[in-house]
Amino acid sequence: MDLARTISVNYSLNDLIQTFKEYVRVTPEGPRVWTQDKKLSDRDVILLQLVASRISNLSGSSGTDSMGVSEIEGATGLYPKTISSRLSELTKSATVERVDSDQGGKYRITTVGVSRLGEQLAKKFRPAP
């Protein structure tokens, strides 16, 4: 049983907050990417929005950790076609998974996606020594 715990990966609310506290906030309007002067790709913005959605869900602020294209558009200001294209790429790389729902497709970030995004942002915005 201890061996299984050493290879298990599951991000808690605290883990997500500690990893992404510089990039996301949960506001009265909902979860939001909060990057200030950081230059991020559309892909990173979408992934961070999905992380913010998961944080909001785990903290009890929302009922789901998944978002549709129109919800991501409203939260990020990105164009729907851009969002759809990036989500297609991210789904193929297992970074995001599609969750079927009554209102059409919704998406959520996977555990692998959380890990990759955390590593990528840490490298990209590592403080200078």
Protein backbone atom coordinates (compact mmCIF):
# COMPACT_ATOMS: atom_id res chain seq x y z
CA MET A 1 0.00 0.00 0.00
CA ASP A 2 2.86 2.45 0.74
CA LEU A 3 4.31 1.72 -2.69
CA ALA A 4 1.02 2.76 -4.32
CA ARG A 5 1.07 6.05 -2.41
CA THR A 6 4.58 6.84 -3.64
CA ILE A 7 3.47 6.74 -7.29
CA SER A 8 0.01 8.28 -6.85
CA VAL A 9 -0.60 11.80 -8.10
CA ASN A 10 -3.60 13.80 -6.93
CA TYR A 11 -3.56 17.57 -6.61
CA SER A 12 -5.36 18.86 -3.52
CA LEU A 13 -6.89 22.31 -3.27
CA ASN A 14 -3.82 23.45 -1.31
CA ASP A 15 -1.45 22.01 -3.94
CA LEU A 16 -3.25 23.86 -6.73
CA ILE A 17 -3.34 27.13 -4.82
CA GLN A 18 0.37 26.94 -3.96
CA THR A 19 1.35 26.09 -7.55
CA PHE A 20 -0.87 28.61 -9.34
CA LYS A 21 -1.43 31.43 -6.81
CA GLU A 22 0.46 33.90 -9.01
CA TYR A 23 -1.73 33.16 -12.03
CA VAL A 24 -5.36 32.66 -10.96
CA ARG A 25 -7.96 34.14 -8.62
CA VAL A 26 -11.50 33.21 -7.63
CA THR A 27 -13.56 36.40 -7.84
CA PRO A 28 -17.27 37.14 -7.24
CA GLU A 29 -17.63 36.92 -11.04
CA GLY A 30 -16.06 33.45 -11.04
CA PRO A 31 -12.62 31.92 -11.48
CA ARG A 32 -10.23 34.08 -13.51
CA VAL A 33 -6.72 34.06 -14.94
CA TRP A 34 -4.82 36.83 -13.13
CA THR A 35 -1.47 37.32 -14.81
CA GLN A 36 -0.83 41.07 -14.71
CA ASP A 37 2.31 41.67 -16.80
CA LYS A 38 3.13 38.07 -17.66
CA LYS A 39 3.05 37.19 -21.36
CA LEU A 40 1.16 33.93 -21.81
CA SER A 41 0.15 31.97 -24.89
CA ASP A 42 -3.53 31.35 -25.62
CA ARG A 43 -2.89 27.73 -24.69
CA ASP A 44 -1.55 28.70 -21.26
CA VAL A 45 -4.46 31.09 -20.65
CA ILE A 46 -6.98 28.33 -21.42
CA LEU A 47 -5.18 25.84 -19.17
CA LEU A 48 -4.96 28.38 -16.35
CA GLN A 49 -8.66 29.13 -16.73
CA LEU A 50 -9.40 25.42 -16.34
CA VAL A 51 -7.12 25.28 -13.28
CA ALA A 52 -8.99 28.26 -11.81
CA SER A 53 -12.25 26.42 -12.46
CA ARG A 54 -10.95 23.35 -10.62
CA ILE A 55 -9.79 25.48 -7.68
CA SER A 56 -13.21 27.14 -7.56
CA ASN A 57 -14.91 23.75 -7.57
CA LEU A 58 -12.67 22.25 -4.88
CA SER A 59 -13.18 25.29 -2.66
CA GLY A 60 -16.95 24.98 -2.98
CA SER A 61 -17.40 28.20 -4.98
CA SER A 62 -18.78 26.39 -8.04
CA GLY A 63 -20.51 23.12 -8.74
CA THR A 64 -18.23 21.89 -11.51
CA ASP A 65 -14.61 21.95 -12.58
CA SER A 66 -15.42 21.87 -16.30
CA MET A 67 -16.11 24.73 -18.69
CA GLY A 68 -17.57 25.10 -22.17
CA VAL A 69 -16.10 27.17 -24.99
CA SER A 70 -18.49 30.08 -24.35
CA GLU A 71 -17.64 30.11 -20.64
CA ILE A 72 -13.91 30.16 -21.40
CA GLU A 73 -14.53 32.95 -23.92
CA GLY A 74 -16.42 35.01 -21.34
CA ALA A 75 -13.72 34.55 -18.73
CA THR A 76 -10.66 35.07 -20.95
CA GLY A 77 -11.77 37.25 -23.85
CA LEU A 78 -10.24 34.82 -26.36
CA TYR A 79 -12.05 34.14 -29.63
CA PRO A 80 -14.22 30.98 -29.73
CA LYS A 81 -12.40 29.59 -32.79
CA THR A 82 -9.04 30.03 -31.03
CA ILE A 83 -10.40 28.32 -27.91
CA SER A 84 -11.83 25.40 -29.92
CA SER A 85 -8.57 24.92 -31.82
CA ARG A 86 -6.44 24.96 -28.67
CA LEU A 87 -8.86 22.65 -26.81
CA SER A 88 -8.66 20.17 -29.69
CA GLU A 89 -4.85 20.17 -29.47
CA LEU A 90 -4.91 19.93 -25.67
CA THR A 91 -7.36 17.03 -25.77
CA LYS A 92 -5.15 15.11 -28.20
CA SER A 93 -2.18 15.55 -25.85
CA ALA A 94 -4.25 14.34 -22.83
CA THR A 95 -3.71 17.68 -21.12
CA VAL A 96 -7.45 18.39 -21.19
CA GLU A 97 -10.38 15.97 -21.32
CA ARG A 98 -13.76 16.51 -22.89
CA VAL A 99 -16.69 15.93 -20.58
CA ASP A 100 -19.97 15.37 -22.38
CA SER A 101 -22.89 17.28 -20.93
CA ASP A 102 -26.42 18.28 -21.80
CA GLN A 103 -25.28 21.73 -22.97
CA GLY A 104 -22.66 20.42 -25.38
CA GLY A 105 -18.99 19.74 -24.79
CA LYS A 106 -17.29 20.90 -21.66
CA TYR A 107 -13.63 20.52 -20.81
CA ARG A 108 -11.52 20.07 -17.71
CA ILE A 109 -7.79 19.94 -17.14
CA THR A 110 -6.33 16.50 -16.42
CA THR A 111 -3.84 15.62 -13.69
CA VAL A 112 -1.17 15.36 -16.38
CA GLY A 113 -2.21 18.81 -17.61
CA VAL A 114 -1.87 20.31 -14.14
CA SER A 115 1.59 18.79 -13.79
CA ARG A 116 2.82 19.92 -17.21
CA LEU A 117 1.44 23.43 -16.82
CA GLY A 118 2.99 23.85 -13.37
CA GLU A 119 6.39 22.73 -14.65
CA GLN A 120 6.17 24.88 -17.77
CA LEU A 121 5.21 28.06 -15.89
CA ALA A 122 7.92 27.46 -13.28
CA LYS A 123 10.55 27.29 -16.05
CA LYS A 124 9.12 30.20 -18.00
CA PHE A 125 8.84 32.61 -15.06
CA ARG A 126 11.67 31.38 -12.85
CA PRO A 127 13.09 34.30 -10.86
CA ALA A 128 16.56 35.41 -11.92
CA PRO A 129 19.33 34.35 -9.50
